[in-house]
C-alpha atoms as a PDB file:
ATOM      1  CA  MET A   1      19.428 -72.122  22.094  1.00  0.00           C
ATOM      2  CA  LYS A   2      16.096 -74.179  21.720  1.00  0.00           C
ATOM      3  CA  GLU A   3      13.479 -72.031  20.449  1.00  0.00           C
ATOM      4  CA  LYS A   4       9.971 -73.216  21.739  1.00  0.00           C
ATOM      5  CA  LYS A   5       7.104 -72.668  19.500  1.00  0.00           C
ATOM      6  CA  LYS A   6       3.775 -72.873  19.943  1.00  0.00           C
ATOM      7  CA  ALA A   7       1.128 -73.833  17.346  1.00  0.00           C
ATOM      8  CA  LYS A   8      -1.294 -71.557  17.339  1.00  0.00           C
ATOM      9  CA  GLN A   9      -4.539 -73.227  18.484  1.00  0.00           C
ATOM     10  CA  SER A  10      -8.174 -71.620  17.971  1.00  0.00           C
ATOM     11  CA  LEU A  11     -11.591 -73.116  18.975  1.00  0.00           C
ATOM     12  CA  PRO A  12     -13.334 -75.477  16.580  1.00  0.00           C
ATOM     13  CA  ASP A  13     -16.253 -74.425  14.796  1.00  0.00           C
ATOM     14  CA  PHE A  14     -19.482 -76.058  15.517  1.00  0.00           C
ATOM     15  CA  CYS A  15     -22.201 -76.857  13.817  1.00  0.00           C
ATOM     16  CA  ASP A  16     -25.179 -74.642  14.298  1.00  0.00           C
ATOM     17  CA  LEU A  17     -27.777 -72.541  12.727  1.00  0.00           C
ATOM     18  CA  MET A  18     -25.477 -69.594  11.831  1.00  0.00           C
ATOM     19  CA  CYS A  19     -24.082 -72.106   9.289  1.00  0.00           C
ATOM     20  CA  ALA A  20     -25.324 -71.303   5.714  1.00  0.00           C
ATOM     21  CA  TYR A  21     -25.279 -75.111   5.390  1.00  0.00           C
ATOM     22  CA  ALA A  22     -27.645 -75.926   8.288  1.00  0.00           C
ATOM     23  CA  SER A  23     -30.969 -75.989   8.643  1.00  0.00           C
ATOM     24  CA  MET A  24     -33.733 -77.618  10.680  1.00  0.00           C
ATOM     25  CA  PRO A  25     -34.589 -81.317   9.745  1.00  0.00           C
ATOM     26  CA  LYS A  26     -37.700 -81.784   7.855  1.00  0.00           C
ATOM     27  CA  GLU A  27     -38.669 -84.836   9.810  1.00  0.00           C
ATOM     28  CA  THR A  28     -40.069 -84.321  13.374  1.00  0.00           C
ATOM     29  CA  ALA A  29     -38.363 -85.556  16.571  1.00  0.00           C
ATOM     30  CA  VAL A  30     -35.331 -86.805  14.906  1.00  0.00           C
ATOM     31  CA  ASP A  31     -34.069 -87.381  18.300  1.00  0.00           C
ATOM     32  CA  GLY A  32     -36.503 -89.837  19.137  1.00  0.00           C
ATOM     33  CA  ALA A  33     -38.565 -87.608  22.027  1.00  0.00           C
ATOM     34  CA  GLY A  34     -41.579 -86.920  19.713  1.00  0.00           C
ATOM     35  CA  SER A  35     -41.883 -83.983  21.446  1.00  0.00           C
ATOM     36  CA  CYS A  36     -42.150 -79.940  20.443  1.00  0.00           C
ATOM     37  CA  ARG A  37     -39.267 -78.418  18.506  1.00  0.00           C
ATOM     38  CA  THR A  38     -36.598 -79.970  20.681  1.00  0.00           C
ATOM     39  CA  PHE A  39     -33.900 -81.396  18.123  1.00  0.00           C
ATOM     40  CA  ALA A  40     -30.400 -82.994  18.536  1.00  0.00           C
ATOM     41  CA  ALA A  41     -29.306 -82.877  14.792  1.00  0.00           C
ATOM     42  CA  LEU A  42     -29.483 -80.349  11.955  1.00  0.00           C
ATOM     43  CA  TYR A  43     -29.688 -81.232   8.380  1.00  0.00           C
ATOM     44  CA  CYS A  44     -26.573 -80.227   6.375  1.00  0.00           C
ATOM     45  CA  LYS A  45     -26.498 -79.039   2.521  1.00  0.00           C
ATOM     46  CA  LYS A  46     -22.936 -79.722   1.899  1.00  0.00           C
ATOM     47  CA  ARG A  47     -23.128 -83.233   3.350  1.00  0.00           C
ATOM     48  CA  LYS A  48     -26.811 -84.052   2.546  1.00  0.00           C
ATOM     49  CA  SER A  49     -27.364 -85.809   5.570  1.00  0.00           C
ATOM     50  CA  LEU A  50     -28.570 -85.133   9.394  1.00  0.00           C
ATOM     51  CA  VAL A  51     -25.211 -84.251  11.366  1.00  0.00           C
ATOM     52  CA  HIS A  52     -25.595 -83.652  15.557  1.00  0.00           C
ATOM     53  CA  LYS A  53     -26.104 -80.248  16.299  1.00  0.00           C
ATOM     54  CA  ASN A  54     -23.050 -78.871  18.184  1.00  0.00           C
ATOM     55  CA  MET A  55     -20.512 -81.323  16.328  1.00  0.00           C
ATOM     56  CA  PRO A  56     -17.258 -79.657  15.498  1.00  0.00           C
ATOM     57  CA  CYS A  57     -17.302 -78.812  11.688  1.00  0.00           C
ATOM     58  CA  LYS A  58     -14.359 -77.987   9.438  1.00  0.00           C
ATOM     59  CA  ASP A  59     -16.685 -76.828   6.817  1.00  0.00           C
ATOM     60  CA  LYS A  60     -18.724 -74.141   8.447  1.00  0.00           C
ATOM     61  CA  LYS A  61     -19.633 -70.989   6.712  1.00  0.00           C
ATOM     62  CA  ILE A  62     -21.225 -68.243   8.621  1.00  0.00           C
ATOM     63  CA  SER A  63     -24.633 -67.130   7.129  1.00  0.00           C
ATOM     64  CA  VAL A  64     -25.189 -63.618   6.737  1.00  0.00           C
ATOM     65  CA  LYS A  65     -28.714 -62.809   6.524  1.00  0.00           C
ATOM     66  CA  GLY A  66     -29.988 -60.162   3.857  1.00  0.00           C
ATOM     67  CA  LYS A  67     -26.663 -60.477   1.555  1.00  0.00           C
ATOM     68  CA  LYS A  68     -26.008 -62.886  -1.038  1.00  0.00           C
END
């Protein structure tokens, strides 16, 4: 008898401002628009570079405000 095992699939985490490593980029208009606060990238402290906002991320660490 063949037993079918399904690997548990979970949705990936995405880069956003809920991550402890993410912050708004210091440069203005990193998306080239030159408009208000629209942005297409976040600064990642772990990678030490800009990353695409909402990009899948395996290193996401949820930030809990008020706790250290």
